[in-house]
């Protein structure tokens, strides 16, 4: 029963994110609204981590399975993807490297700052 309640909390925030998506005219996915709401609720203490931890751990564990339908959809669209495959792959590699570099620098910055203030 506890796990069901945790899923319902996550589902409720996702549903509110869907509502915000339809109300706010910004090009932001509903899932991002839901994640921001979850973050705000966790930071303010409206929701405690223990209230969603088991369900979120489960969802993270099965996340790779969630990409299977998207991959199947890509194989069905192969004819449209083939002409732009090289530019898409180049962009994917460059943005992946960029994200890794920026993440590394931010992590090092935060760690150095904690050492100075800690």
N, C-alpha and C. Protein backbone atom coordinates (compact mmCIF):
# COMPACT_ATOMS: atom_id res chain seq x y z
N UNK A 1 0.82 -1.20 0.00
CA UNK A 1 0.00 0.00 0.00
C UNK A 1 0.86 1.26 0.00
N UNK A 2 2.00 1.20 0.72
CA UNK A 2 2.90 2.34 0.78
C UNK A 2 3.47 2.67 -0.59
N UNK A 3 3.84 1.63 -1.33
CA UNK A 3 4.39 1.82 -2.67
C UNK A 3 3.34 2.44 -3.61
N UNK A 4 2.11 1.99 -3.48
CA UNK A 4 1.03 2.55 -4.30
C UNK A 4 0.85 4.04 -4.01
N UNK A 5 0.92 4.42 -2.75
CA UNK A 5 0.79 5.84 -2.38
C UNK A 5 1.93 6.65 -2.98
N UNK A 6 3.14 6.09 -2.98
CA UNK A 6 4.28 6.79 -3.56
C UNK A 6 4.10 6.99 -5.06
N UNK A 7 3.61 5.96 -5.74
CA UNK A 7 3.34 6.10 -7.18
C UNK A 7 2.25 7.14 -7.42
N UNK A 8 1.25 7.17 -6.58
CA UNK A 8 0.18 8.15 -6.75
C UNK A 8 0.68 9.57 -6.56
N UNK A 9 1.60 9.79 -5.63
CA UNK A 9 2.17 11.13 -5.45
C UNK A 9 2.92 11.55 -6.71
N UNK A 10 3.74 10.65 -7.24
CA UNK A 10 4.48 10.96 -8.46
C UNK A 10 3.53 11.19 -9.62
N UNK A 11 2.51 10.36 -9.73
CA UNK A 11 1.52 10.50 -10.80
C UNK A 11 0.75 11.82 -10.67
N UNK A 12 0.42 12.20 -9.45
CA UNK A 12 -0.30 13.46 -9.24
C UNK A 12 0.54 14.65 -9.70
N UNK A 13 1.82 14.65 -9.33
CA UNK A 13 2.68 15.75 -9.77
C UNK A 13 2.86 15.75 -11.29
N UNK A 14 2.91 14.58 -11.90
CA UNK A 14 2.98 14.50 -13.36
C UNK A 14 1.70 15.05 -13.99
N UNK A 15 0.57 14.74 -13.38
CA UNK A 15 -0.72 15.23 -13.88
C UNK A 15 -0.80 16.76 -13.77
N UNK A 16 -0.33 17.30 -12.64
CA UNK A 16 -0.31 18.75 -12.48
C UNK A 16 0.62 19.38 -13.51
N UNK A 17 1.74 18.70 -13.80
CA UNK A 17 2.65 19.17 -14.86
C UNK A 17 1.95 19.23 -16.21
N UNK A 18 1.13 18.21 -16.50
CA UNK A 18 0.35 18.22 -17.74
C UNK A 18 -0.61 19.41 -17.76
N UNK A 19 -1.23 19.70 -16.63
CA UNK A 19 -2.12 20.84 -16.55
C UNK A 19 -1.40 22.16 -16.78
N UNK A 20 -0.23 22.28 -16.16
CA UNK A 20 0.56 23.50 -16.35
C UNK A 20 0.98 23.66 -17.81
N UNK A 21 1.30 22.55 -18.46
CA UNK A 21 1.68 22.60 -19.87
C UNK A 21 0.56 23.20 -20.72
N UNK A 22 -0.66 22.84 -20.42
CA UNK A 22 -1.78 23.35 -21.20
C UNK A 22 -2.13 24.80 -20.82
N UNK A 23 -1.76 25.23 -19.61
CA UNK A 23 -2.08 26.59 -19.17
C UNK A 23 -0.99 27.61 -19.53
N UNK A 24 0.26 27.18 -19.48
CA UNK A 24 1.38 28.10 -19.70
C UNK A 24 1.86 27.96 -21.15
N UNK A 25 1.85 29.05 -21.90
CA UNK A 25 2.21 28.97 -23.32
C UNK A 25 3.71 29.00 -23.57
N UNK A 26 4.46 28.13 -22.92
CA UNK A 26 5.89 28.03 -23.14
C UNK A 26 6.21 26.68 -23.78
N UNK A 27 7.27 26.61 -24.57
CA UNK A 27 7.64 25.33 -25.20
C UNK A 27 8.41 24.43 -24.23
N UNK A 28 7.80 24.13 -23.09
CA UNK A 28 8.41 23.28 -22.07
C UNK A 28 7.58 22.01 -21.96
N UNK A 29 8.21 20.85 -22.01
CA UNK A 29 7.45 19.60 -21.88
C UNK A 29 6.78 19.49 -20.52
N UNK A 30 5.65 18.83 -20.50
CA UNK A 30 4.90 18.64 -19.26
C UNK A 30 5.74 17.89 -18.22
N UNK A 31 6.58 16.97 -18.66
CA UNK A 31 7.40 16.22 -17.71
C UNK A 31 8.38 17.13 -16.98
N UNK A 32 8.85 18.18 -17.64
CA UNK A 32 9.76 19.12 -16.98
C UNK A 32 9.00 19.89 -15.90
N UNK A 33 7.78 20.30 -16.20
CA UNK A 33 6.96 20.95 -15.17
C UNK A 33 6.78 20.02 -13.97
N UNK A 34 6.50 18.76 -14.24
CA UNK A 34 6.33 17.80 -13.16
C UNK A 34 7.58 17.62 -12.34
N UNK A 35 8.74 17.56 -13.00
CA UNK A 35 10.00 17.42 -12.28
C UNK A 35 10.31 18.65 -11.44
N UNK A 36 10.04 19.83 -11.98
CA UNK A 36 10.26 21.06 -11.21
C UNK A 36 9.33 21.10 -10.00
N UNK A 37 8.09 20.69 -10.20
CA UNK A 37 7.16 20.63 -9.06
C UNK A 37 7.66 19.66 -8.00
N UNK A 38 8.15 18.49 -8.43
CA UNK A 38 8.69 17.52 -7.48
C UNK A 38 9.87 18.12 -6.72
N UNK A 39 10.76 18.78 -7.43
CA UNK A 39 11.91 19.41 -6.79
C UNK A 39 11.47 20.45 -5.77
N UNK A 40 10.53 21.30 -6.15
CA UNK A 40 10.03 22.32 -5.23
C UNK A 40 9.39 21.69 -3.99
N UNK A 41 8.60 20.65 -4.22
CA UNK A 41 7.94 19.98 -3.09
C UNK A 41 8.97 19.33 -2.16
N UNK A 42 10.01 18.74 -2.72
CA UNK A 42 11.05 18.12 -1.89
C UNK A 42 11.88 19.17 -1.16
N UNK A 43 12.21 20.27 -1.83
CA UNK A 43 13.02 21.31 -1.21
C UNK A 43 12.28 22.06 -0.11
N UNK A 44 11.00 22.24 -0.29
CA UNK A 44 10.21 22.97 0.71
C UNK A 44 9.70 22.07 1.83
N UNK A 45 9.82 20.77 1.66
CA UNK A 45 9.35 19.86 2.70
C UNK A 45 7.89 19.48 2.58
N UNK A 46 7.23 19.93 1.52
CA UNK A 46 5.84 19.53 1.30
C UNK A 46 5.78 18.01 1.14
N UNK A 47 6.76 17.49 0.43
CA UNK A 47 6.91 16.04 0.27
C UNK A 47 8.28 15.68 0.83
N UNK A 48 8.33 14.67 1.67
CA UNK A 48 9.61 14.18 2.17
C UNK A 48 10.12 13.09 1.24
N UNK A 49 11.44 12.95 1.17
CA UNK A 49 12.04 11.97 0.28
C UNK A 49 11.50 10.57 0.55
N UNK A 50 11.29 10.24 1.82
CA UNK A 50 10.79 8.91 2.17
C UNK A 50 9.40 8.63 1.58
N UNK A 51 8.66 9.68 1.26
CA UNK A 51 7.31 9.51 0.72
C UNK A 51 7.32 9.10 -0.75
N UNK A 52 8.44 9.22 -1.44
CA UNK A 52 8.50 8.85 -2.85
C UNK A 52 9.74 8.04 -3.21
N UNK A 53 10.58 7.74 -2.24
CA UNK A 53 11.87 7.14 -2.53
C UNK A 53 11.79 5.76 -3.17
N UNK A 54 11.00 4.86 -2.62
CA UNK A 54 10.94 3.50 -3.16
C UNK A 54 10.38 3.48 -4.58
N UNK A 55 9.32 4.23 -4.81
CA UNK A 55 8.71 4.26 -6.15
C UNK A 55 9.67 4.90 -7.16
N UNK A 56 10.36 5.96 -6.75
CA UNK A 56 11.28 6.61 -7.68
C UNK A 56 12.48 5.72 -7.97
N UNK A 57 12.97 5.00 -6.96
CA UNK A 57 14.06 4.05 -7.20
C UNK A 57 13.64 2.99 -8.21
N UNK A 58 12.42 2.50 -8.07
CA UNK A 58 11.91 1.51 -9.01
C UNK A 58 11.82 2.08 -10.42
N UNK A 59 11.30 3.29 -10.55
CA UNK A 59 11.16 3.91 -11.88
C UNK A 59 12.52 4.16 -12.51
N UNK A 60 13.49 4.55 -11.71
CA UNK A 60 14.84 4.75 -12.25
C UNK A 60 15.43 3.42 -12.69
N UNK A 61 15.17 2.36 -11.93
CA UNK A 61 15.72 1.05 -12.27
C UNK A 61 15.18 0.52 -13.60
N UNK A 62 13.92 0.83 -13.91
CA UNK A 62 13.33 0.33 -15.15
C UNK A 62 13.39 1.34 -16.29
N UNK A 63 14.07 2.46 -16.06
CA UNK A 63 14.12 3.51 -17.09
C UNK A 63 14.63 3.02 -18.44
N UNK A 64 15.66 2.17 -18.51
CA UNK A 64 16.11 1.72 -19.84
C UNK A 64 15.01 1.02 -20.64
N UNK A 65 14.12 0.34 -19.97
CA UNK A 65 13.03 -0.35 -20.66
C UNK A 65 12.10 0.67 -21.33
N UNK A 66 12.00 1.85 -20.74
CA UNK A 66 11.12 2.88 -21.28
C UNK A 66 11.60 3.41 -22.63
N UNK A 67 12.87 3.19 -22.96
CA UNK A 67 13.41 3.68 -24.23
C UNK A 67 13.19 2.70 -25.37
N UNK A 68 12.76 1.49 -25.08
CA UNK A 68 12.56 0.48 -26.12
C UNK A 68 11.51 0.94 -27.15
N UNK A 69 10.34 1.43 -26.73
CA UNK A 69 9.37 1.87 -27.75
C UNK A 69 9.91 3.00 -28.63
N UNK A 70 10.68 3.92 -28.05
CA UNK A 70 11.26 5.00 -28.85
C UNK A 70 12.25 4.44 -29.87
N UNK A 71 13.04 3.46 -29.47
CA UNK A 71 14.00 2.86 -30.39
C UNK A 71 13.29 2.13 -31.52
N UNK A 72 12.21 1.45 -31.20
CA UNK A 72 11.42 0.77 -32.23
C UNK A 72 10.84 1.80 -33.19
N UNK A 73 10.37 2.92 -32.66
CA UNK A 73 9.85 3.99 -33.52
C UNK A 73 10.91 4.53 -34.46
N UNK A 74 12.15 4.60 -33.99
CA UNK A 74 13.24 5.06 -34.86
C UNK A 74 13.50 4.08 -35.99
N UNK A 75 13.42 2.79 -35.70
CA UNK A 75 13.65 1.81 -36.77
C UNK A 75 12.55 1.88 -37.82
N UNK A 76 11.34 2.23 -37.40
CA UNK A 76 10.25 2.36 -38.37
C UNK A 76 10.41 3.61 -39.23
N UNK A 77 11.16 4.59 -38.73
CA UNK A 77 11.37 5.85 -39.46
C UNK A 77 12.73 5.88 -40.16
N UNK A 78 13.32 4.74 -40.38
CA UNK A 78 14.67 4.67 -40.94
C UNK A 78 14.81 5.40 -42.27
N UNK A 79 13.80 5.31 -43.12
CA UNK A 79 13.87 5.95 -44.44
C UNK A 79 13.99 7.47 -44.32
N UNK A 80 13.33 8.06 -43.34
CA UNK A 80 13.42 9.51 -43.13
C UNK A 80 14.71 9.89 -42.41
N UNK A 81 15.25 8.99 -41.60
CA UNK A 81 16.46 9.29 -40.83
C UNK A 81 17.75 9.13 -41.64
N UNK A 82 17.75 8.24 -42.59
CA UNK A 82 18.98 7.93 -43.33
C UNK A 82 19.65 9.17 -43.93
N UNK A 83 18.93 10.09 -44.59
CA UNK A 83 19.60 11.25 -45.20
C UNK A 83 20.25 12.19 -44.18
N UNK A 84 19.76 12.23 -42.96
CA UNK A 84 20.29 13.16 -41.96
C UNK A 84 21.07 12.44 -40.85
N UNK A 85 21.42 11.19 -41.08
CA UNK A 85 22.07 10.40 -40.04
C UNK A 85 23.43 10.97 -39.63
N UNK A 86 24.26 11.33 -40.60
CA UNK A 86 25.60 11.85 -40.27
C UNK A 86 25.53 13.13 -39.44
N UNK A 87 24.74 14.14 -39.86
CA UNK A 87 24.67 15.36 -39.02
C UNK A 87 24.10 15.08 -37.63
N UNK A 88 23.11 14.20 -37.55
CA UNK A 88 22.52 13.88 -36.24
C UNK A 88 23.55 13.21 -35.34
N UNK A 89 24.32 12.27 -35.88
CA UNK A 89 25.34 11.60 -35.09
C UNK A 89 26.43 12.57 -34.63
N UNK A 90 26.84 13.47 -35.53
CA UNK A 90 27.85 14.47 -35.16
C UNK A 90 27.32 15.36 -34.03
N UNK A 91 26.09 15.82 -34.17
CA UNK A 91 25.49 16.66 -33.13
C UNK A 91 25.38 15.90 -31.82
N UNK A 92 24.98 14.63 -31.88
CA UNK A 92 24.87 13.83 -30.66
C UNK A 92 26.21 13.68 -29.96
N UNK A 93 27.26 13.40 -30.72
CA UNK A 93 28.58 13.22 -30.12
C UNK A 93 29.06 14.54 -29.51
N UNK A 94 28.94 15.64 -30.26
CA UNK A 94 29.40 16.93 -29.76
C UNK A 94 28.65 17.38 -28.52
N UNK A 95 27.33 17.23 -28.53
CA UNK A 95 26.57 17.66 -27.36
C UNK A 95 26.82 16.76 -26.16
N UNK A 96 27.05 15.47 -26.40
CA UNK A 96 27.38 14.57 -25.29
C UNK A 96 28.69 14.97 -24.65
N UNK A 97 29.70 15.25 -25.47
CA UNK A 97 31.00 15.68 -24.95
C UNK A 97 30.84 17.01 -24.21
N UNK A 98 30.09 17.94 -24.78
CA UNK A 98 29.88 19.24 -24.15
C UNK A 98 29.21 19.08 -22.78
N UNK A 99 28.19 18.26 -22.71
CA UNK A 99 27.51 18.03 -21.43
C UNK A 99 28.46 17.41 -20.41
N UNK A 100 29.28 16.45 -20.85
CA UNK A 100 30.22 15.81 -19.94
C UNK A 100 31.26 16.82 -19.43
N UNK A 101 31.77 17.67 -20.31
CA UNK A 101 32.77 18.66 -19.90
C UNK A 101 32.17 19.67 -18.93
N UNK A 102 31.00 20.20 -19.27
CA UNK A 102 30.36 21.18 -18.40
C UNK A 102 30.02 20.55 -17.05
N UNK A 103 29.50 19.34 -17.05
CA UNK A 103 29.18 18.66 -15.80
C UNK A 103 30.43 18.46 -14.95
N UNK A 104 31.52 18.06 -15.58
CA UNK A 104 32.78 17.88 -14.85
C UNK A 104 33.27 19.17 -14.23
N UNK A 105 33.23 20.27 -14.99
CA UNK A 105 33.68 21.56 -14.46
C UNK A 105 32.78 22.05 -13.33
N UNK A 106 31.49 21.91 -13.48
CA UNK A 106 30.58 22.33 -12.42
C UNK A 106 30.81 21.50 -11.17
N UNK A 107 30.99 20.20 -11.33
CA UNK A 107 31.25 19.33 -10.18
C UNK A 107 32.54 19.72 -9.48
N UNK A 108 33.60 19.97 -10.24
CA UNK A 108 34.86 20.40 -9.64
C UNK A 108 34.71 21.74 -8.92
N UNK A 109 33.97 22.65 -9.51
CA UNK A 109 33.73 23.95 -8.88
C UNK A 109 33.01 23.79 -7.55
N UNK A 110 31.97 22.98 -7.55
CA UNK A 110 31.20 22.77 -6.31
C UNK A 110 32.06 22.09 -5.26
N UNK A 111 32.84 21.10 -5.65
CA UNK A 111 33.70 20.39 -4.69
C UNK A 111 34.75 21.33 -4.09
N UNK A 112 35.37 22.18 -4.91
CA UNK A 112 36.35 23.14 -4.41
C UNK A 112 35.70 24.15 -3.48
N UNK A 113 34.52 24.57 -3.83
CA UNK A 113 33.81 25.55 -2.99
C UNK A 113 33.45 24.94 -1.64
N UNK A 114 33.04 23.67 -1.63
CA UNK A 114 32.72 23.00 -0.37
C UNK A 114 33.96 22.84 0.51
N UNK A 115 35.12 22.57 -0.13
CA UNK A 115 36.36 22.42 0.63
C UNK A 115 36.74 23.73 1.30
N UNK A 116 36.54 24.85 0.59
CA UNK A 116 36.88 26.16 1.16
C UNK A 116 35.95 26.54 2.29
N UNK A 117 34.65 26.24 2.15
CA UNK A 117 33.65 26.65 3.13
C UNK A 117 33.34 25.55 4.15
N UNK A 118 33.85 24.35 3.91
CA UNK A 118 33.43 23.21 4.72
C UNK A 118 34.24 22.98 5.91
